Amino acid sequence: MWHPTAIHRNGNLVQPWILTVQTTAINQTFGLTLGGATVAVKIIWGDGSFNDYVTTGGKSHTFAAAGTYQVLVSGRVTNPLGSITITTGGTRLLSTSAYQGIEGGRPAGTFMACSNAAFTSLPNGLFKNYPDFSLFSYSGALLGCNKLVLLPADLFSYHAGSSFTLFSNCFWLDAALTSIPPTLFDRFRISSYPGWLVLNGCFSACAALTGPAPELWDPAQFNTGGTNHADCFKGCTGLSNWADIPNDWKGL
């Protein structure tokens, strides 16, 4: 069995990104898409096999037997457009460690459509180890994770683009999400953040949300401007301050 710290880079031990994956039948596939101009990524699939990749695109592995596997990912994808996105078999993802062991990348789209019944929460520091960019994108990062119930309060505490930070469709269709941590967007308050927020569809169709939404529409607190917020809270009628949210934010 591969130990979770059994990845080396340039002679140094690297703690990898760990994805716990479950297959329920023979010959089921799990895969990632590697994006960026340059890629050097090792994936240890958890069943004794591994691959080293130096090209972009979809990379997948078929597991011969049903079981639970730790998929370990380490390496490099080029800034600023690099990314590693779970694609094939997202319904098989049980849990994720904090994103680490990978140089470069950004969270946009990473967990899109990961909808396993066990994928209900996220670890603290999930996005902590991404590098900063002037335009930092969380767009679609957790779109369609429809079993996700809880968000860590520090989810967005580490990175803010100096020009724009994008949250478009970040939690769209996350129908089981129950609340928004009150400090989730504190890093983006005007007092400390000079850039614009793009929030189109961010919580759209998160119909189970209760409690208050952060007052992202308040220009004294957050810089959203223009139409960068359309449908942000569309369908979130259970929010305790629903009546206070402007209609365009609600898709009305």
C-alpha atoms as a PDB file:
ATOM      1  CA  MET A   1       0.000   0.000   0.000  1.00  0.00           C
ATOM      2  CA  TRP A   2       1.227   3.486  -0.839  1.00  0.00           C
ATOM      3  CA  HIS A   3       1.765   5.702   2.180  1.00  0.00           C
ATOM      4  CA  PRO A   4       0.188   9.183   1.867  1.00  0.00           C
ATOM      5  CA  THR A   5       3.647  10.843   2.109  1.00  0.00           C
ATOM      6  CA  ALA A   6       5.292   8.597  -0.485  1.00  0.00           C
ATOM      7  CA  ILE A   7       5.645  11.309  -3.142  1.00  0.00           C
ATOM      8  CA  HIS A   8       8.967  13.092  -3.663  1.00  0.00           C
ATOM      9  CA  ARG A   9       9.798  16.130  -5.785  1.00  0.00           C
ATOM     10  CA  ASN A  10      13.344  17.433  -6.282  1.00  0.00           C
ATOM     11  CA  GLY A  11      14.495  15.198  -3.471  1.00  0.00           C
ATOM     12  CA  ASN A  12      11.948  16.598  -1.019  1.00  0.00           C
ATOM     13  CA  LEU A  13       9.061  14.740   0.538  1.00  0.00           C
ATOM     14  CA  VAL A  14       5.733  16.289  -0.512  1.00  0.00           C
ATOM     15  CA  GLN A  15       2.421  15.854   1.274  1.00  0.00           C
ATOM     16  CA  PRO A  16       0.016  15.203  -1.626  1.00  0.00           C
ATOM     17  CA  TRP A  17      -3.579  16.143  -2.265  1.00  0.00           C
ATOM     18  CA  ILE A  18      -5.569  13.130  -1.059  1.00  0.00           C
ATOM     19  CA  LEU A  19      -8.890  12.182  -2.660  1.00  0.00           C
ATOM     20  CA  THR A  20     -10.802   9.305  -1.107  1.00  0.00           C
ATOM     21  CA  VAL A  21     -12.697   7.486  -3.842  1.00  0.00           C
ATOM     22  CA  GLN A  22     -15.151   4.590  -3.670  1.00  0.00           C
ATOM     23  CA  THR A  23     -16.050   2.222  -6.469  1.00  0.00           C
ATOM     24  CA  THR A  24     -19.083  -0.033  -6.140  1.00  0.00           C
ATOM     25  CA  ALA A  25     -18.488  -2.445  -9.018  1.00  0.00           C
ATOM     26  CA  ILE A  26     -15.647  -3.750 -11.160  1.00  0.00           C
ATOM     27  CA  ASN A  27     -14.063  -1.565 -13.828  1.00  0.00           C
ATOM     28  CA  GLN A  28     -15.326   1.794 -12.608  1.00  0.00           C
ATOM     29  CA  THR A  29     -13.316   4.874 -13.608  1.00  0.00           C
ATOM     30  CA  PHE A  30     -12.154   7.960 -11.731  1.00  0.00           C
ATOM     31  CA  GLY A  31     -10.319  10.803 -13.378  1.00  0.00           C
ATOM     32  CA  LEU A  32      -8.993  14.340 -13.331  1.00  0.00           C
ATOM     33  CA  THR A  33      -8.514  16.972 -16.000  1.00  0.00           C
ATOM     34  CA  LEU A  34      -5.145  18.707 -15.880  1.00  0.00           C
ATOM     35  CA  GLY A  35      -5.133  22.248 -17.246  1.00  0.00           C
ATOM     36  CA  GLY A  36      -2.401  24.778 -17.929  1.00  0.00           C
ATOM     37  CA  ALA A  37       0.347  25.326 -20.450  1.00  0.00           C
ATOM     38  CA  THR A  38       2.798  23.074 -18.589  1.00  0.00           C
ATOM     39  CA  VAL A  39       1.999  20.049 -16.473  1.00  0.00           C
ATOM     40  CA  ALA A  40       4.159  17.725 -14.379  1.00  0.00           C
ATOM     41  CA  VAL A  41       1.815  15.704 -12.187  1.00  0.00           C
ATOM     42  CA  LYS A  42       2.111  12.338 -10.470  1.00  0.00           C
ATOM     43  CA  ILE A  43      -1.068  10.455  -9.574  1.00  0.00           C
ATOM     44  CA  ILE A  44      -0.885   7.395  -7.355  1.00  0.00           C
ATOM     45  CA  TRP A  45      -4.233   5.673  -7.822  1.00  0.00           C
ATOM     46  CA  GLY A  46      -4.336   3.695  -4.562  1.00  0.00           C
ATOM     47  CA  ASP A  47      -4.473   0.205  -6.048  1.00  0.00           C
ATOM     48  CA  GLY A  48      -0.734  -0.164  -6.628  1.00  0.00           C
ATOM     49  CA  SER A  49      -0.612   1.723  -9.910  1.00  0.00           C
ATOM     50  CA  PHE A  50       0.563   5.245 -10.697  1.00  0.00           C
ATOM     51  CA  ASN A  51       1.152   7.604 -13.615  1.00  0.00           C
ATOM     52  CA  ASP A  52       3.406  10.578 -14.310  1.00  0.00           C
ATOM     53  CA  TYR A  53       1.797  13.113 -16.633  1.00  0.00           C
ATOM     54  CA  VAL A  54       3.482  15.889 -18.627  1.00  0.00           C
ATOM     55  CA  THR A  55       0.539  16.745 -20.893  1.00  0.00           C
ATOM     56  CA  THR A  56      -2.741  18.495 -20.218  1.00  0.00           C
ATOM     57  CA  GLY A  57      -6.219  17.009 -20.608  1.00  0.00           C
ATOM     58  CA  GLY A  58      -8.247  14.214 -19.077  1.00  0.00           C
ATOM     59  CA  LYS A  59      -6.394  11.551 -17.086  1.00  0.00           C
ATOM     60  CA  SER A  60      -8.354   8.611 -15.732  1.00  0.00           C
ATOM     61  CA  HIS A  61      -7.883   5.208 -14.151  1.00  0.00           C
ATOM     62  CA  THR A  62     -10.156   2.171 -14.122  1.00  0.00           C
ATOM     63  CA  PHE A  63     -10.251   0.196 -10.881  1.00  0.00           C
ATOM     64  CA  ALA A  64     -10.493  -3.551 -11.376  1.00  0.00           C
ATOM     65  CA  ALA A  65     -12.357  -4.173  -8.109  1.00  0.00           C
ATOM     66  CA  ALA A  66     -14.958  -2.438  -5.971  1.00  0.00           C
ATOM     67  CA  GLY A  67     -13.453  -0.740  -2.936  1.00  0.00           C
ATOM     68  CA  THR A  68     -12.265   2.466  -1.299  1.00  0.00           C
ATOM     69  CA  TYR A  69      -9.051   4.013  -2.585  1.00  0.00           C
ATOM     70  CA  GLN A  70      -6.853   6.962  -1.657  1.00  0.00           C
ATOM     71  CA  VAL A  71      -5.856   8.778  -4.831  1.00  0.00           C
ATOM     72  CA  LEU A  72      -2.732  10.876  -4.226  1.00  0.00           C
ATOM     73  CA  VAL A  73      -1.933  13.845  -6.502  1.00  0.00           C
ATOM     74  CA  SER A  74       1.259  15.905  -6.556  1.00  0.00           C
ATOM     75  CA  GLY A  75       3.115  18.047  -9.065  1.00  0.00           C
ATOM     76  CA  ARG A  76       2.770  21.290 -10.983  1.00  0.00           C
ATOM     77  CA  VAL A  77       0.340  23.042 -13.323  1.00  0.00           C
ATOM     78  CA  THR A  78       1.271  26.361 -14.909  1.00  0.00           C
ATOM     79  CA  ASN A  79       0.050  29.659 -13.437  1.00  0.00           C
ATOM     80  CA  PRO A  80      -2.219  31.495 -13.801  1.00  0.00           C
ATOM     81  CA  LEU A  81      -4.658  29.344 -15.784  1.00  0.00           C
ATOM     82  CA  GLY A  82      -3.632  25.939 -14.500  1.00  0.00           C
ATOM     83  CA  SER A  83      -6.190  23.779 -12.739  1.00  0.00           C
ATOM     84  CA  ILE A  84      -6.910  20.240 -11.672  1.00  0.00           C
ATOM     85  CA  THR A  85     -10.574  19.407 -12.013  1.00  0.00           C
ATOM     86  CA  ILE A  86     -12.332  16.228 -10.930  1.00  0.00           C
ATOM     87  CA  THR A  87     -14.230  14.992 -13.951  1.00  0.00           C
ATOM     88  CA  THR A  88     -14.735  11.284 -14.604  1.00  0.00           C
ATOM     89  CA  GLY A  89     -16.388   9.633 -11.638  1.00  0.00           C
ATOM     90  CA  GLY A  90     -17.066  12.699  -9.518  1.00  0.00           C
ATOM     91  CA  THR A  91     -19.972  10.781  -8.009  1.00  0.00           C
ATOM     92  CA  ARG A  92     -17.369   8.431  -6.498  1.00  0.00           C
ATOM     93  CA  LEU A  93     -15.560  11.087  -4.440  1.00  0.00           C
ATOM     94  CA  LEU A  94     -16.099  10.483  -0.707  1.00  0.00           C
ATOM     95  CA  SER A  95     -13.833  13.194   0.699  1.00  0.00           C
ATOM     96  CA  THR A  96     -10.898  15.478  -0.011  1.00  0.00           C
ATOM     97  CA  SER A  97      -7.942  16.678   1.992  1.00  0.00           C
ATOM     98  CA  ALA A  98      -6.855  20.298   1.758  1.00  0.00           C
ATOM     99  CA  TYR A  99      -5.426  21.030  -1.694  1.00  0.00           C
ATOM    100  CA  GLN A 100      -1.668  20.750  -1.336  1.00  0.00           C
ATOM    101  CA  GLY A 101       1.390  19.173  -2.898  1.00  0.00           C
ATOM    102  CA  ILE A 102       0.671  20.901  -6.218  1.00  0.00           C
ATOM    103  CA  GLU A 103       2.378  24.047  -7.497  1.00  0.00           C
ATOM    104  CA  GLY A 104       0.152  26.484  -9.352  1.00  0.00           C
ATOM    105  CA  GLY A 105      -3.487  26.115 -10.268  1.00  0.00           C
ATOM    106  CA  ARG A 106      -6.664  27.781  -9.129  1.00  0.00           C
ATOM    107  CA  PRO A 107      -9.871  26.364  -7.614  1.00  0.00           C
ATOM    108  CA  ALA A 108     -12.240  27.167 -10.500  1.00  0.00           C
ATOM    109  CA  GLY A 109     -14.332  24.097 -11.301  1.00  0.00           C
ATOM    110  CA  THR A 110     -12.280  21.733  -9.131  1.00  0.00           C
ATOM    111  CA  PHE A 111     -15.157  19.815  -7.510  1.00  0.00           C
ATOM    112  CA  MET A 112     -17.879  20.469 -10.089  1.00  0.00           C
ATOM    113  CA  ALA A 113     -20.636  17.800  -9.949  1.00  0.00           C
ATOM    114  CA  CYS A 114     -19.044  15.842  -7.089  1.00  0.00           C
ATOM    115  CA  SER A 115     -22.300  14.494  -5.692  1.00  0.00           C
ATOM    116  CA  ASN A 116     -21.555  11.348  -3.709  1.00  0.00           C
ATOM    117  CA  ALA A 117     -23.877  10.965  -0.708  1.00  0.00           C
ATOM    118  CA  ALA A 118     -20.819  11.027   1.575  1.00  0.00           C
ATOM    119  CA  PHE A 119     -19.455  14.286   0.165  1.00  0.00           C
ATOM    120  CA  THR A 120     -21.231  16.467   2.742  1.00  0.00           C
ATOM    121  CA  SER A 121     -18.452  18.666   4.166  1.00  0.00           C
ATOM    122  CA  LEU A 122     -15.040  20.140   3.373  1.00  0.00           C
ATOM    123  CA  PRO A 123     -11.824  20.365   5.392  1.00  0.00           C
ATOM    124  CA  ASN A 124     -10.480  23.582   6.866  1.00  0.00           C
ATOM    125  CA  GLY A 125      -7.810  25.141   4.668  1.00  0.00           C
ATOM    126  CA  LEU A 126      -9.199  23.491   1.534  1.00  0.00           C
ATOM    127  CA  PHE A 127      -7.958  26.252  -0.810  1.00  0.00           C
ATOM    128  CA  LYS A 128      -5.171  27.627   1.423  1.00  0.00           C
ATOM    129  CA  ASN A 129      -2.222  26.451  -0.676  1.00  0.00           C
ATOM    130  CA  TYR A 130      -3.224  27.907  -4.023  1.00  0.00           C
ATOM    131  CA  PRO A 131      -1.011  30.764  -5.248  1.00  0.00           C
ATOM    132  CA  ASP A 132      -2.357  34.307  -5.542  1.00  0.00           C
ATOM    133  CA  PHE A 133      -3.279  35.901  -8.876  1.00  0.00           C
ATOM    134  CA  SER A 134      -4.540  39.359  -9.779  1.00  0.00           C
ATOM    135  CA  LEU A 135      -7.708  37.623 -10.993  1.00  0.00           C
ATOM    136  CA  PHE A 136      -8.518  34.791  -8.602  1.00  0.00           C
ATOM    137  CA  SER A 137     -11.314  32.428  -9.569  1.00  0.00           C
ATOM    138  CA  TYR A 138     -13.528  30.203  -7.437  1.00  0.00           C
ATOM    139  CA  SER A 139     -16.050  30.054 -10.294  1.00  0.00           C
ATOM    140  CA  GLY A 140     -17.916  26.755 -10.336  1.00  0.00           C
ATOM    141  CA  ALA A 141     -15.547  25.328  -7.713  1.00  0.00           C
ATOM    142  CA  LEU A 142     -18.351  23.427  -5.944  1.00  0.00           C
ATOM    143  CA  LEU A 143     -21.122  23.656  -8.542  1.00  0.00           C
ATOM    144  CA  GLY A 144     -23.513  20.717  -8.416  1.00  0.00           C
ATOM    145  CA  CYS A 145     -22.167  19.257  -5.150  1.00  0.00           C
ATOM    146  CA  ASN A 146     -25.757  18.544  -4.209  1.00  0.00           C
ATOM    147  CA  LYS A 147     -24.999  16.554  -1.038  1.00  0.00           C
ATOM    148  CA  LEU A 148     -22.746  19.243   0.434  1.00  0.00           C
ATOM    149  CA  VAL A 149     -24.249  20.438   3.723  1.00  0.00           C
ATOM    150  CA  LEU A 150     -21.567  22.490   5.488  1.00  0.00           C
ATOM    151  CA  LEU A 151     -18.935  25.033   4.473  1.00  0.00           C
ATOM    152  CA  PRO A 152     -15.811  25.771   6.549  1.00  0.00           C
ATOM    153  CA  ALA A 153     -15.725  29.391   7.702  1.00  0.00           C
ATOM    154  CA  ASP A 154     -12.190  29.797   6.324  1.00  0.00           C
ATOM    155  CA  LEU A 155     -13.039  28.593   2.792  1.00  0.00           C
ATOM    156  CA  PHE A 156     -12.313  32.000   1.205  1.00  0.00           C
ATOM    157  CA  SER A 157      -9.900  33.338   3.839  1.00  0.00           C
ATOM    158  CA  TYR A 158      -6.640  32.996   1.941  1.00  0.00           C
ATOM    159  CA  HIS A 159      -6.915  34.412  -1.565  1.00  0.00           C
ATOM    160  CA  ALA A 160      -8.357  37.527  -3.152  1.00  0.00           C
ATOM    161  CA  GLY A 161      -7.481  38.797  -6.619  1.00  0.00           C
ATOM    162  CA  SER A 162      -6.166  42.351  -6.591  1.00  0.00           C
ATOM    163  CA  SER A 163      -8.371  43.226  -9.592  1.00  0.00           C
ATOM    164  CA  PHE A 164     -11.248  40.731  -9.488  1.00  0.00           C
ATOM    165  CA  THR A 165     -12.244  37.719  -7.452  1.00  0.00           C
ATOM    166  CA  LEU A 166     -14.728  35.465  -9.218  1.00  0.00           C
ATOM    167  CA  PHE A 167     -17.418  33.412  -7.465  1.00  0.00           C
ATOM    168  CA  SER A 168     -19.704  32.868 -10.459  1.00  0.00           C
ATOM    169  CA  ASN A 169     -21.828  29.712  -9.939  1.00  0.00           C
ATOM    170  CA  CYS A 170     -19.521  28.631  -7.109  1.00  0.00           C
ATOM    171  CA  PHE A 171     -22.296  26.787  -5.200  1.00  0.00           C
ATOM    172  CA  TRP A 172     -24.984  26.671  -7.874  1.00  0.00           C
ATOM    173  CA  LEU A 173     -27.300  23.644  -7.468  1.00  0.00           C
ATOM    174  CA  ASP A 174     -25.917  22.748  -4.028  1.00  0.00           C
ATOM    175  CA  ALA A 175     -29.421  21.923  -2.865  1.00  0.00           C
ATOM    176  CA  ALA A 176     -28.424  20.449   0.523  1.00  0.00           C
ATOM    177  CA  LEU A 177     -26.339  23.414   1.705  1.00  0.00           C
ATOM    178  CA  THR A 178     -27.874  24.589   4.984  1.00  0.00           C
ATOM    179  CA  SER A 179     -26.167  27.879   5.876  1.00  0.00           C
ATOM    180  CA  ILE A 180     -23.571  30.464   4.892  1.00  0.00           C
ATOM    181  CA  PRO A 181     -20.886  31.050   7.547  1.00  0.00           C
ATOM    182  CA  PRO A 182     -21.240  34.694   8.613  1.00  0.00           C
ATOM    183  CA  THR A 183     -17.531  35.415   8.085  1.00  0.00           C
ATOM    184  CA  LEU A 184     -17.238  33.587   4.732  1.00  0.00           C
ATOM    185  CA  PHE A 185     -16.683  36.766   2.696  1.00  0.00           C
ATOM    186  CA  ASP A 186     -14.972  38.924   5.339  1.00  0.00           C
ATOM    187  CA  ARG A 187     -11.701  38.993   3.397  1.00  0.00           C
ATOM    188  CA  PHE A 188     -13.501  40.866   0.611  1.00  0.00           C
ATOM    189  CA  ARG A 189     -14.802  43.832   2.578  1.00  0.00           C
ATOM    190  CA  ILE A 190     -14.028  47.182   0.967  1.00  0.00           C
ATOM    191  CA  SER A 191     -11.941  48.231   3.957  1.00  0.00           C
ATOM    192  CA  SER A 192      -9.258  45.669   3.077  1.00  0.00           C
ATOM    193  CA  TYR A 193      -9.959  44.525  -0.499  1.00  0.00           C
ATOM    194  CA  PRO A 194      -9.534  46.858  -3.509  1.00  0.00           C
ATOM    195  CA  GLY A 195     -10.941  44.576  -6.206  1.00  0.00           C
ATOM    196  CA  TRP A 196     -14.376  43.734  -7.550  1.00  0.00           C
ATOM    197  CA  LEU A 197     -16.431  40.684  -6.669  1.00  0.00           C
ATOM    198  CA  VAL A 198     -18.203  38.730  -9.394  1.00  0.00           C
ATOM    199  CA  LEU A 199     -21.043  36.767  -7.776  1.00  0.00           C
ATOM    200  CA  ASN A 200     -23.396  35.801 -10.615  1.00  0.00           C
ATOM    201  CA  GLY A 201     -25.345  32.684  -9.616  1.00  0.00           C
ATOM    202  CA  CYS A 202     -23.074  32.044  -6.631  1.00  0.00           C
ATOM    203  CA  PHE A 203     -25.759  30.438  -4.398  1.00  0.00           C
ATOM    204  CA  SER A 204     -28.428  29.981  -7.054  1.00  0.00           C
ATOM    205  CA  ALA A 205     -30.792  27.049  -6.330  1.00  0.00           C
ATOM    206  CA  CYS A 206     -29.353  26.451  -2.850  1.00  0.00           C
ATOM    207  CA  ALA A 207     -32.912  25.965  -1.663  1.00  0.00           C
ATOM    208  CA  ALA A 208     -32.078  24.528   1.792  1.00  0.00           C
ATOM    209  CA  LEU A 209     -30.223  27.638   2.983  1.00  0.00           C
ATOM    210  CA  THR A 210     -31.485  29.142   6.237  1.00  0.00           C
ATOM    211  CA  GLY A 211     -30.193  31.881   8.501  1.00  0.00           C
ATOM    212  CA  PRO A 212     -28.951  35.201   7.142  1.00  0.00           C
ATOM    213  CA  ALA A 213     -27.085  35.778   3.912  1.00  0.00           C
ATOM    214  CA  PRO A 214     -24.029  38.053   4.145  1.00  0.00           C
ATOM    215  CA  GLU A 215     -24.983  41.511   2.922  1.00  0.00           C
ATOM    216  CA  LEU A 216     -22.944  41.287  -0.238  1.00  0.00           C
ATOM    217  CA  TRP A 217     -25.324  43.738  -1.945  1.00  0.00           C
ATOM    218  CA  ASP A 218     -24.416  46.566   0.476  1.00  0.00           C
ATOM    219  CA  PRO A 219     -22.056  48.935  -1.417  1.00  0.00           C
ATOM    220  CA  ALA A 220     -20.696  50.249   1.879  1.00  0.00           C
ATOM    221  CA  GLN A 221     -19.366  46.763   2.661  1.00  0.00           C
ATOM    222  CA  PHE A 222     -18.614  45.074  -0.681  1.00  0.00           C
ATOM    223  CA  ASN A 223     -17.699  46.227  -4.183  1.00  0.00           C
ATOM    224  CA  THR A 224     -19.868  44.283  -6.648  1.00  0.00           C
ATOM    225  CA  GLY A 225     -20.970  46.985  -9.089  1.00  0.00           C
ATOM    226  CA  GLY A 226     -22.656  46.591 -12.463  1.00  0.00           C
ATOM    227  CA  THR A 227     -24.399  43.270 -13.048  1.00  0.00           C
ATOM    228  CA  ASN A 228     -21.751  41.143 -11.376  1.00  0.00           C
ATOM    229  CA  HIS A 229     -24.295  39.669  -8.972  1.00  0.00           C
ATOM    230  CA  ALA A 230     -27.307  38.544 -11.044  1.00  0.00           C
ATOM    231  CA  ASP A 231     -29.111  35.514  -9.560  1.00  0.00           C
ATOM    232  CA  CYS A 232     -26.630  35.245  -6.679  1.00  0.00           C
ATOM    233  CA  PHE A 233     -29.357  34.102  -4.261  1.00  0.00           C
ATOM    234  CA  LYS A 234     -31.950  32.884  -6.756  1.00  0.00           C
ATOM    235  CA  GLY A 235     -34.347  30.412  -5.136  1.00  0.00           C
ATOM    236  CA  CYS A 236     -32.851  30.811  -1.642  1.00  0.00           C
ATOM    237  CA  THR A 237     -36.200  31.795  -0.143  1.00  0.00           C
ATOM    238  CA  GLY A 238     -35.439  30.245   3.258  1.00  0.00           C
ATOM    239  CA  LEU A 239     -32.828  32.873   4.094  1.00  0.00           C
ATOM    240  CA  SER A 240     -33.940  34.878   7.115  1.00  0.00           C
ATOM    241  CA  ASN A 241     -33.116  38.186   5.377  1.00  0.00           C
ATOM    242  CA  TRP A 242     -34.615  37.191   2.004  1.00  0.00           C
ATOM    243  CA  ALA A 243     -36.849  40.290   2.038  1.00  0.00           C
ATOM    244  CA  ASP A 244     -33.786  42.552   2.322  1.00  0.00           C
ATOM    245  CA  ILE A 245     -31.997  41.118  -0.718  1.00  0.00           C
ATOM    246  CA  PRO A 246     -32.431  43.262  -3.864  1.00  0.00           C
ATOM    247  CA  ASN A 247     -34.535  41.645  -6.591  1.00  0.00           C
ATOM    248  CA  ASP A 248     -31.770  41.345  -9.170  1.00  0.00           C
ATOM    249  CA  TRP A 249     -29.698  39.404  -6.626  1.00  0.00           C
ATOM    250  CA  LYS A 250     -32.709  37.097  -6.251  1.00  0.00           C
ATOM    251  CA  GLY A 251     -33.270  36.659  -9.979  1.00  0.00           C
ATOM    252  CA  LEU A 252     -36.593  38.509  -9.827  1.00  0.00           C
END
